[in-house]
Amino acid sequence: MLWLAVGLIFLITVPELLRVGLPTVTDIGAVDRSILVSGCELFGLGTILWVVYGGGMQ
């Protein structure tokens, strides 16, 4: 269940914080920010899929 929570955090919360926080704190470009946010979302989605389909204890 912990990994499911981690996946949800990386899928929903962290990308929103990056979208808001990176432009205000750094001078990162829109393309770099988009790549970083998309990578974070993919990591979260992959974690959720791993927990649901492949990470269960047998």
Protein backbone atom coordinates (compact mmCIF):
# COMPACT_ATOMS: atom_id res chain seq x y z
CA MET A 1 0.00 0.00 0.00
CA LEU A 2 2.91 2.32 0.62
CA TRP A 3 4.07 1.96 -2.99
CA LEU A 4 0.57 2.75 -4.22
CA ALA A 5 0.62 5.96 -2.20
CA VAL A 6 4.07 6.82 -3.59
CA GLY A 7 2.78 6.25 -7.12
CA LEU A 8 -0.21 8.51 -6.53
CA ILE A 9 1.98 11.24 -5.07
CA PHE A 10 4.31 11.13 -8.09
CA LEU A 11 1.37 11.01 -10.50
CA ILE A 12 -0.68 13.88 -9.03
CA THR A 13 0.99 15.99 -6.35
CA VAL A 14 4.62 16.29 -7.41
CA PRO A 15 3.87 17.29 -11.04
CA GLU A 16 1.58 20.08 -9.85
CA LEU A 17 4.22 21.33 -7.46
CA LEU A 18 6.80 21.24 -10.26
CA ARG A 19 4.50 23.15 -12.62
CA VAL A 20 4.04 25.90 -10.06
CA GLY A 21 7.34 25.84 -8.22
CA LEU A 22 9.93 25.52 -10.96
CA PRO A 23 9.06 28.73 -12.83
CA THR A 24 9.01 30.75 -9.63
CA VAL A 25 12.22 29.35 -8.12
CA THR A 26 14.36 28.70 -11.20
CA ASP A 27 14.63 29.97 -14.75
CA ILE A 28 14.04 26.55 -16.31
CA GLY A 29 12.52 26.58 -19.78
CA ALA A 30 9.07 25.35 -20.69
CA VAL A 31 10.36 22.35 -22.63
CA ASP A 32 12.66 21.20 -19.81
CA ARG A 33 9.88 21.65 -17.28
CA SER A 34 7.48 19.68 -19.45
CA ILE A 35 9.98 16.81 -19.80
CA LEU A 36 10.58 16.75 -16.04
CA VAL A 37 6.87 16.80 -15.23
CA SER A 38 6.08 14.10 -17.80
CA GLY A 39 8.88 11.91 -16.48
CA CYS A 40 7.54 12.30 -12.96
CA GLU A 41 4.03 11.37 -14.11
CA LEU A 42 5.33 8.33 -15.97
CA PHE A 43 7.24 7.21 -12.89
CA GLY A 44 4.08 7.52 -10.80
CA LEU A 45 1.98 5.65 -13.34
CA GLY A 46 4.61 2.94 -13.68
CA THR A 47 4.73 2.52 -9.90
CA ILE A 48 0.97 2.18 -9.69
CA LEU A 49 0.88 -0.36 -12.52
CA TRP A 50 3.72 -2.31 -10.92
CA VAL A 51 1.84 -2.48 -7.61
CA VAL A 52 -1.45 -3.49 -9.18
CA TYR A 53 -0.22 -6.01 -11.76
CA GLY A 54 3.28 -7.13 -10.94
CA GLY A 55 4.36 -6.21 -7.46
CA GLY A 56 1.95 -8.24 -5.37
CA MET A 57 3.22 -10.94 -3.07
CA GLN A 58 2.56 -14.39 -4.48
